[in-house]
């Protein structure tokens, strides 16, 4: 028995429905970032390193400045390009 072969359709003969999509407008993202640097004093107690120093020298307190950096995003807005 002979089997039927399916005919191949040419790709050019197919019809495709055209759908119009809305094209988004180009936009620019504006991000404003503020940086806050806070310097606080930090007290550090320095102990003597050896037993001989501990018997002859007292522990000393040292004040060191410690900087803390904090970043904050303030605003995000979209503008048309």
PDB file of N, CA and C in Angstrom:
ATOM      1  N   UNK A   1       0.843  -1.177   0.000  1.00  0.00           N
ATOM      2  CA  UNK A   1       0.000   0.000   0.000  1.00  0.00           C
ATOM      3  C   UNK A   1       0.887   1.239   0.000  1.00  0.00           C
ATOM      4  N   UNK A   2       0.457   2.211  -0.691  1.00  0.00           N
ATOM      5  CA  UNK A   2       1.213   3.449  -0.767  1.00  0.00           C
ATOM      6  C   UNK A   2       0.743   4.372   0.346  1.00  0.00           C
ATOM      7  N   UNK A   3       1.708   4.973   1.030  1.00  0.00           N
ATOM      8  CA  UNK A   3       1.345   5.933   2.090  1.00  0.00           C
ATOM      9  C   UNK A   3       1.377   7.332   1.522  1.00  0.00           C
ATOM     10  N   UNK A   4       0.526   8.152   2.029  1.00  0.00           N
ATOM     11  CA  UNK A   4       0.462   9.526   1.545  1.00  0.00           C
ATOM     12  C   UNK A   4       1.537  10.354   2.245  1.00  0.00           C
ATOM     13  N   UNK A   5       2.279  11.097   1.461  1.00  0.00           N
ATOM     14  CA  UNK A   5       3.269  12.002   2.024  1.00  0.00           C
ATOM     15  C   UNK A   5       2.599  13.359   2.221  1.00  0.00           C
ATOM     16  N   UNK A   6       2.906  13.962   3.357  1.00  0.00           N
ATOM     17  CA  UNK A   6       2.345  15.296   3.565  1.00  0.00           C
ATOM     18  C   UNK A   6       3.141  16.288   2.737  1.00  0.00           C
ATOM     19  N   UNK A   7       2.410  17.182   2.115  1.00  0.00           N
ATOM     20  CA  UNK A   7       3.071  18.174   1.292  1.00  0.00           C
ATOM     21  C   UNK A   7       3.678  19.250   2.181  1.00  0.00           C
ATOM     22  N   UNK A   8       4.890  19.619   1.861  1.00  0.00           N
ATOM     23  CA  UNK A   8       5.531  20.702   2.607  1.00  0.00           C
ATOM     24  C   UNK A   8       5.075  22.025   2.022  1.00  0.00           C
ATOM     25  N   UNK A   9       4.693  22.917   2.908  1.00  0.00           N
ATOM     26  CA  UNK A   9       4.274  24.242   2.459  1.00  0.00           C
ATOM     27  C   UNK A   9       5.490  25.145   2.442  1.00  0.00           C
ATOM     28  N   UNK A  10       5.556  25.977   1.478  1.00  0.00           N
ATOM     29  CA  UNK A  10       6.644  26.927   1.373  1.00  0.00           C
ATOM     30  C   UNK A  10       6.468  27.997   2.451  1.00  0.00           C
ATOM     31  N   UNK A  11       7.555  28.383   3.107  1.00  0.00           N
ATOM     32  CA  UNK A  11       7.478  29.360   4.195  1.00  0.00           C
ATOM     33  C   UNK A  11       7.019  30.713   3.691  1.00  0.00           C
ATOM     34  N   UNK A  12       7.275  31.008   2.441  1.00  0.00           N
ATOM     35  CA  UNK A  12       6.886  32.311   1.888  1.00  0.00           C
ATOM     36  C   UNK A  12       5.380  32.400   1.634  1.00  0.00           C
ATOM     37  N   UNK A  13       4.730  31.288   1.520  1.00  0.00           N
ATOM     38  CA  UNK A  13       3.315  31.325   1.193  1.00  0.00           C
ATOM     39  C   UNK A  13       2.427  31.453   2.424  1.00  0.00           C
ATOM     40  N   UNK A  14       3.007  31.410   3.629  1.00  0.00           N
ATOM     41  CA  UNK A  14       2.189  31.514   4.839  1.00  0.00           C
ATOM     42  C   UNK A  14       1.797  32.957   5.083  1.00  0.00           C
ATOM     43  N   UNK A  15       0.618  33.123   5.635  1.00  0.00           N
ATOM     44  CA  UNK A  15       0.161  34.464   5.964  1.00  0.00           C
ATOM     45  C   UNK A  15       0.298  34.666   7.469  1.00  0.00           C
ATOM     46  N   UNK A  16       0.770  35.839   7.836  1.00  0.00           N
ATOM     47  CA  UNK A  16       0.975  36.154   9.242  1.00  0.00           C
ATOM     48  C   UNK A  16       0.184  37.406   9.562  1.00  0.00           C
ATOM     49  N   UNK A  17      -0.564  37.352  10.664  1.00  0.00           N
ATOM     50  CA  UNK A  17      -1.352  38.508  11.076  1.00  0.00           C
ATOM     51  C   UNK A  17      -0.413  39.553  11.680  1.00  0.00           C
ATOM     52  N   UNK A  18      -0.574  40.809  11.289  1.00  0.00           N
ATOM     53  CA  UNK A  18       0.260  41.897  11.790  1.00  0.00           C
ATOM     54  C   UNK A  18      -0.478  42.563  12.936  1.00  0.00           C
ATOM     55  N   UNK A  19       0.187  42.625  14.080  1.00  0.00           N
ATOM     56  CA  UNK A  19      -0.400  43.249  15.260  1.00  0.00           C
ATOM     57  C   UNK A  19       0.424  44.488  15.586  1.00  0.00           C
ATOM     58  N   UNK A  20      -0.249  45.623  15.729  1.00  0.00           N
ATOM     59  CA  UNK A  20       0.467  46.841  16.081  1.00  0.00           C
ATOM     60  C   UNK A  20       0.536  46.953  17.592  1.00  0.00           C
ATOM     61  N   UNK A  21       1.766  47.113  18.109  1.00  0.00           N
ATOM     62  CA  UNK A  21       1.983  47.253  19.535  1.00  0.00           C
ATOM     63  C   UNK A  21       2.362  48.694  19.844  1.00  0.00           C
ATOM     64  N   UNK A  22       1.953  49.187  21.004  1.00  0.00           N
ATOM     65  CA  UNK A  22       2.366  50.542  21.364  1.00  0.00           C
ATOM     66  C   UNK A  22       3.861  50.559  21.673  1.00  0.00           C
ATOM     67  N   UNK A  23       4.556  51.523  21.087  1.00  0.00           N
ATOM     68  CA  UNK A  23       5.995  51.632  21.289  1.00  0.00           C
ATOM     69  C   UNK A  23       6.234  52.545  22.482  1.00  0.00           C
ATOM     70  N   UNK A  24       6.930  52.063  23.514  1.00  0.00           N
ATOM     71  CA  UNK A  24       7.166  52.928  24.673  1.00  0.00           C
ATOM     72  C   UNK A  24       8.146  54.047  24.331  1.00  0.00           C
ATOM     73  N   UNK A  25       7.928  55.198  24.949  1.00  0.00           N
ATOM     74  CA  UNK A  25       8.820  56.331  24.721  1.00  0.00           C
ATOM     75  C   UNK A  25      10.118  56.101  25.492  1.00  0.00           C
ATOM     76  N   UNK A  26      11.241  56.571  24.944  1.00  0.00           N
ATOM     77  CA  UNK A  26      12.501  56.419  25.676  1.00  0.00           C
ATOM     78  C   UNK A  26      12.492  57.278  26.939  1.00  0.00           C
ATOM     79  N   UNK A  27      12.923  56.705  28.043  1.00  0.00           N
ATOM     80  CA  UNK A  27      12.920  57.420  29.314  1.00  0.00           C
ATOM     81  C   UNK A  27      14.312  57.382  29.926  1.00  0.00           C
ATOM     82  N   UNK A  28      14.548  58.299  30.827  1.00  0.00           N
ATOM     83  CA  UNK A  28      15.813  58.368  31.540  1.00  0.00           C
ATOM     84  C   UNK A  28      15.530  58.211  33.026  1.00  0.00           C
ATOM     85  N   UNK A  29      16.247  57.304  33.655  1.00  0.00           N
ATOM     86  CA  UNK A  29      16.102  57.113  35.093  1.00  0.00           C
ATOM     87  C   UNK A  29      17.039  58.087  35.812  1.00  0.00           C
ATOM     88  N   UNK A  30      16.487  58.862  36.723  1.00  0.00           N
ATOM     89  CA  UNK A  30      17.288  59.802  37.500  1.00  0.00           C
ATOM     90  C   UNK A  30      17.305  59.312  38.939  1.00  0.00           C
ATOM     91  N   UNK A  31      18.485  58.946  39.420  1.00  0.00           N
ATOM     92  CA  UNK A  31      18.628  58.456  40.785  1.00  0.00           C
ATOM     93  C   UNK A  31      19.544  59.419  41.532  1.00  0.00           C
ATOM     94  N   UNK A  32      19.031  59.997  42.612  1.00  0.00           N
ATOM     95  CA  UNK A  32      19.816  60.916  43.425  1.00  0.00           C
ATOM     96  C   UNK A  32      20.218  60.180  44.697  1.00  0.00           C
ATOM     97  N   UNK A  33      21.511  60.178  44.982  1.00  0.00           N
ATOM     98  CA  UNK A  33      22.011  59.452  46.146  1.00  0.00           C
ATOM     99  C   UNK A  33      22.784  60.420  47.030  1.00  0.00           C
ATOM    100  N   UNK A  34      22.444  60.441  48.314  1.00  0.00           N
ATOM    101  CA  UNK A  34      23.147  61.288  49.265  1.00  0.00           C
ATOM    102  C   UNK A  34      24.047  60.408  50.129  1.00  0.00           C
ATOM    103  N   UNK A  35      25.229  60.927  50.420  1.00  0.00           N
ATOM    104  CA  UNK A  35      26.177  60.213  51.258  1.00  0.00           C
ATOM    105  C   UNK A  35      26.404  61.028  52.528  1.00  0.00           C
ATOM    106  N   UNK A  36      26.185  60.406  53.665  1.00  0.00           N
ATOM    107  CA  UNK A  36      26.401  61.056  54.947  1.00  0.00           C
ATOM    108  C   UNK A  36      27.615  60.418  55.607  1.00  0.00           C
ATOM    109  N   UNK A  37      28.596  61.234  55.987  1.00  0.00           N
ATOM    110  CA  UNK A  37      29.781  60.750  56.692  1.00  0.00           C
ATOM    111  C   UNK A  37      29.729  61.324  58.100  1.00  0.00           C
ATOM    112  N   UNK A  38      29.658  60.444  59.093  1.00  0.00           N
ATOM    113  CA  UNK A  38      29.592  60.857  60.489  1.00  0.00           C
ATOM    114  C   UNK A  38      30.872  60.400  61.175  1.00  0.00           C
ATOM    115  N   UNK A  39      31.552  61.346  61.825  1.00  0.00           N
ATOM    116  CA  UNK A  39      32.777  61.012  62.553  1.00  0.00           C
ATOM    117  C   UNK A  39      32.466  61.062  64.034  1.00  0.00           C
ATOM    118  N   UNK A  40      32.661  59.931  64.703  1.00  0.00           N
ATOM    119  CA  UNK A  40      32.384  59.827  66.138  1.00  0.00           C
ATOM    120  C   UNK A  40      33.661  59.419  66.852  1.00  0.00           C
ATOM    121  N   UNK A  41      33.867  59.926  68.049  1.00  0.00           N
ATOM    122  CA  UNK A  41      35.039  59.483  68.803  1.00  0.00           C
ATOM    123  C   UNK A  41      34.812  58.085  69.381  1.00  0.00           C
ATOM    124  N   UNK A  42      35.862  57.297  69.386  1.00  0.00           N
ATOM    125  CA  UNK A  42      35.784  55.951  69.949  1.00  0.00           C
ATOM    126  C   UNK A  42      36.908  55.823  70.977  1.00  0.00           C
ATOM    127  N   UNK A  43      36.568  55.353  72.150  1.00  0.00           N
ATOM    128  CA  UNK A  43      37.553  55.201  73.220  1.00  0.00           C
ATOM    129  C   UNK A  43      38.087  53.780  73.182  1.00  0.00           C
ATOM    130  N   UNK A  44      39.408  53.663  73.118  1.00  0.00           N
ATOM    131  CA  UNK A  44      40.050  52.350  73.101  1.00  0.00           C
ATOM    132  C   UNK A  44      41.016  52.286  74.281  1.00  0.00           C
ATOM    133  N   UNK A  45      40.941  51.220  75.028  1.00  0.00           N
ATOM    134  CA  UNK A  45      41.846  51.031  76.161  1.00  0.00           C
ATOM    135  C   UNK A  45      42.961  50.106  75.709  1.00  0.00           C
ATOM    136  N   UNK A  46      44.184  50.611  75.762  1.00  0.00           N
ATOM    137  CA  UNK A  46      45.342  49.831  75.326  1.00  0.00           C
ATOM    138  C   UNK A  46      46.004  49.201  76.545  1.00  0.00           C
ATOM    139  N   UNK A  47      46.062  47.899  76.512  1.00  0.00           N
ATOM    140  CA  UNK A  47      46.672  47.136  77.590  1.00  0.00           C
ATOM    141  C   UNK A  47      48.154  46.913  77.266  1.00  0.00           C
ATOM    142  N   UNK A  48      49.000  46.818  78.255  1.00  0.00           N
ATOM    143  CA  UNK A  48      50.399  46.503  78.007  1.00  0.00           C
ATOM    144  C   UNK A  48      50.533  45.110  77.395  1.00  0.00           C
ATOM    145  N   UNK A  49      51.571  44.939  76.564  1.00  0.00           N
ATOM    146  CA  UNK A  49      51.718  43.696  75.818  1.00  0.00           C
ATOM    147  C   UNK A  49      52.334  42.562  76.617  1.00  0.00           C
ATOM    148  N   UNK A  50      53.239  42.847  77.530  1.00  0.00           N
ATOM    149  CA  UNK A  50      53.920  41.768  78.266  1.00  0.00           C
ATOM    150  C   UNK A  50      53.664  41.924  79.756  1.00  0.00           C
ATOM    151  N   UNK A  51      54.021  40.919  80.508  1.00  0.00           N
ATOM    152  CA  UNK A  51      53.825  40.945  81.952  1.00  0.00           C
ATOM    153  C   UNK A  51      54.710  42.012  82.593  1.00  0.00           C
ATOM    154  N   UNK A  52      55.915  42.173  82.084  1.00  0.00           N
ATOM    155  CA  UNK A  52      56.816  43.191  82.640  1.00  0.00           C
ATOM    156  C   UNK A  52      56.258  44.590  82.410  1.00  0.00           C
ATOM    157  N   UNK A  53      55.683  44.833  81.250  1.00  0.00           N
ATOM    158  CA  UNK A  53      55.080  46.139  80.999  1.00  0.00           C
ATOM    159  C   UNK A  53      53.831  46.328  81.858  1.00  0.00           C
ATOM    160  N   UNK A  54      53.062  45.274  82.074  1.00  0.00           N
ATOM    161  CA  UNK A  54      51.852  45.364  82.881  1.00  0.00           C
ATOM    162  C   UNK A  54      52.186  45.707  84.330  1.00  0.00           C
ATOM    163  N   UNK A  55      53.332  45.248  84.799  1.00  0.00           N
ATOM    164  CA  UNK A  55      53.712  45.549  86.184  1.00  0.00           C
ATOM    165  C   UNK A  55      54.261  46.966  86.332  1.00  0.00           C
ATOM    166  N   UNK A  56      54.808  47.533  85.253  1.00  0.00           N
ATOM    167  CA  UNK A  56      55.424  48.863  85.358  1.00  0.00           C
ATOM    168  C   UNK A  56      54.584  49.971  84.735  1.00  0.00           C
ATOM    169  N   UNK A  57      53.784  49.675  83.703  1.00  0.00           N
ATOM    170  CA  UNK A  57      53.008  50.710  83.005  1.00  0.00           C
ATOM    171  C   UNK A  57      51.512  50.456  83.192  1.00  0.00           C
ATOM    172  N   UNK A  58      50.747  51.519  83.421  1.00  0.00           N
ATOM    173  CA  UNK A  58      49.288  51.325  83.506  1.00  0.00           C
ATOM    174  C   UNK A  58      48.683  51.270  82.098  1.00  0.00           C
ATOM    175  N   UNK A  59      47.464  50.778  82.035  1.00  0.00           N
ATOM    176  CA  UNK A  59      46.725  50.774  80.761  1.00  0.00           C
ATOM    177  C   UNK A  59      46.365  52.216  80.416  1.00  0.00           C
ATOM    178  N   UNK A  60      46.390  52.548  79.129  1.00  0.00           N
ATOM    179  CA  UNK A  60      46.081  53.913  78.704  1.00  0.00           C
ATOM    180  C   UNK A  60      44.816  53.916  77.851  1.00  0.00           C
ATOM    181  N   UNK A  61      44.077  55.006  77.963  1.00  0.00           N
ATOM    182  CA  UNK A  61      42.872  55.188  77.153  1.00  0.00           C
ATOM    183  C   UNK A  61      43.228  56.099  75.990  1.00  0.00           C
ATOM    184  N   UNK A  62      42.854  55.688  74.780  1.00  0.00           N
ATOM    185  CA  UNK A  62      43.141  56.445  73.570  1.00  0.00           C
ATOM    186  C   UNK A  62      41.814  56.756  72.886  1.00  0.00           C
ATOM    187  N   UNK A  63      41.646  58.006  72.459  1.00  0.00           N
ATOM    188  CA  UNK A  63      40.438  58.408  71.737  1.00  0.00           C
ATOM    189  C   UNK A  63      40.774  58.411  70.251  1.00  0.00           C
ATOM    190  N   UNK A  64      40.027  57.603  69.486  1.00  0.00           N
ATOM    191  CA  UNK A  64      40.254  57.495  68.041  1.00  0.00           C
ATOM    192  C   UNK A  64      39.002  57.960  67.307  1.00  0.00           C
ATOM    193  N   UNK A  65      39.167  58.727  66.232  1.00  0.00           N
ATOM    194  CA  UNK A  65      37.990  59.106  65.439  1.00  0.00           C
ATOM    195  C   UNK A  65      37.539  57.932  64.566  1.00  0.00           C
ATOM    196  N   UNK A  66      36.252  57.673  64.564  1.00  0.00           N
ATOM    197  CA  UNK A  66      35.704  56.585  63.756  1.00  0.00           C
ATOM    198  C   UNK A  66      34.677  57.171  62.801  1.00  0.00           C
ATOM    199  N   UNK A  67      34.891  56.966  61.507  1.00  0.00           N
ATOM    200  CA  UNK A  67      33.996  57.513  60.493  1.00  0.00           C
ATOM    201  C   UNK A  67      32.992  56.451  60.069  1.00  0.00           C
ATOM    202  N   UNK A  68      31.734  56.858  60.002  1.00  0.00           N
ATOM    203  CA  UNK A  68      30.673  55.977  59.513  1.00  0.00           C
ATOM    204  C   UNK A  68      30.086  56.605  58.257  1.00  0.00           C
ATOM    205  N   UNK A  69      29.987  55.803  57.218  1.00  0.00           N
ATOM    206  CA  UNK A  69      29.455  56.288  55.949  1.00  0.00           C
ATOM    207  C   UNK A  69      28.079  55.669  55.744  1.00  0.00           C
ATOM    208  N   UNK A  70      27.095  56.529  55.460  1.00  0.00           N
ATOM    209  CA  UNK A  70      25.729  56.061  55.235  1.00  0.00           C
ATOM    210  C   UNK A  70      25.256  56.647  53.922  1.00  0.00           C
ATOM    211  N   UNK A  71      24.785  55.795  53.023  1.00  0.00           N
ATOM    212  CA  UNK A  71      24.285  56.249  51.729  1.00  0.00           C
ATOM    213  C   UNK A  71      22.777  56.073  51.693  1.00  0.00           C
ATOM    214  N   UNK A  72      22.118  57.037  51.068  1.00  0.00           N
ATOM    215  CA  UNK A  72      20.662  57.010  51.024  1.00  0.00           C
ATOM    216  C   UNK A  72      20.199  57.456  49.635  1.00  0.00           C
ATOM    217  N   UNK A  73      19.330  56.663  49.045  1.00  0.00           N
ATOM    218  CA  UNK A  73      18.758  57.027  47.748  1.00  0.00           C
ATOM    219  C   UNK A  73      17.579  57.954  48.017  1.00  0.00           C
ATOM    220  N   UNK A  74      17.674  59.170  47.482  1.00  0.00           N
ATOM    221  CA  UNK A  74      16.677  60.190  47.816  1.00  0.00           C
ATOM    222  C   UNK A  74      15.470  60.117  46.901  1.00  0.00           C
ATOM    223  N   UNK A  75      15.682  60.129  45.597  1.00  0.00           N
ATOM    224  CA  UNK A  75      14.528  60.168  44.705  1.00  0.00           C
ATOM    225  C   UNK A  75      14.816  59.413  43.432  1.00  0.00           C
ATOM    226  N   UNK A  76      13.770  58.834  42.872  1.00  0.00           N
ATOM    227  CA  UNK A  76      13.832  58.210  41.569  1.00  0.00           C
ATOM    228  C   UNK A  76      12.694  58.800  40.762  1.00  0.00           C
ATOM    229  N   UNK A  77      13.048  59.377  39.638  1.00  0.00           N
ATOM    230  CA  UNK A  77      12.013  59.947  38.792  1.00  0.00           C
ATOM    231  C   UNK A  77      12.296  59.554  37.355  1.00  0.00           C
ATOM    232  N   UNK A  78      11.256  59.562  36.549  1.00  0.00           N
ATOM    233  CA  UNK A  78      11.405  59.196  35.139  1.00  0.00           C
ATOM    234  C   UNK A  78      11.086  60.428  34.302  1.00  0.00           C
ATOM    235  N   UNK A  79      12.002  60.715  33.390  1.00  0.00           N
ATOM    236  CA  UNK A  79      11.777  61.825  32.477  1.00  0.00           C
ATOM    237  C   UNK A  79      11.811  61.303  31.059  1.00  0.00           C
ATOM    238  N   UNK A  80      11.078  61.949  30.184  1.00  0.00           N
ATOM    239  CA  UNK A  80      11.139  61.580  28.781  1.00  0.00           C
ATOM    240  C   UNK A  80      12.461  62.058  28.212  1.00  0.00           C
ATOM    241  N   UNK A  81      13.070  61.203  27.402  1.00  0.00           N
ATOM    242  CA  UNK A  81      14.375  61.562  26.841  1.00  0.00           C
ATOM    243  C   UNK A  81      14.208  62.483  25.654  1.00  0.00           C
TER     244      UNK A  81
END
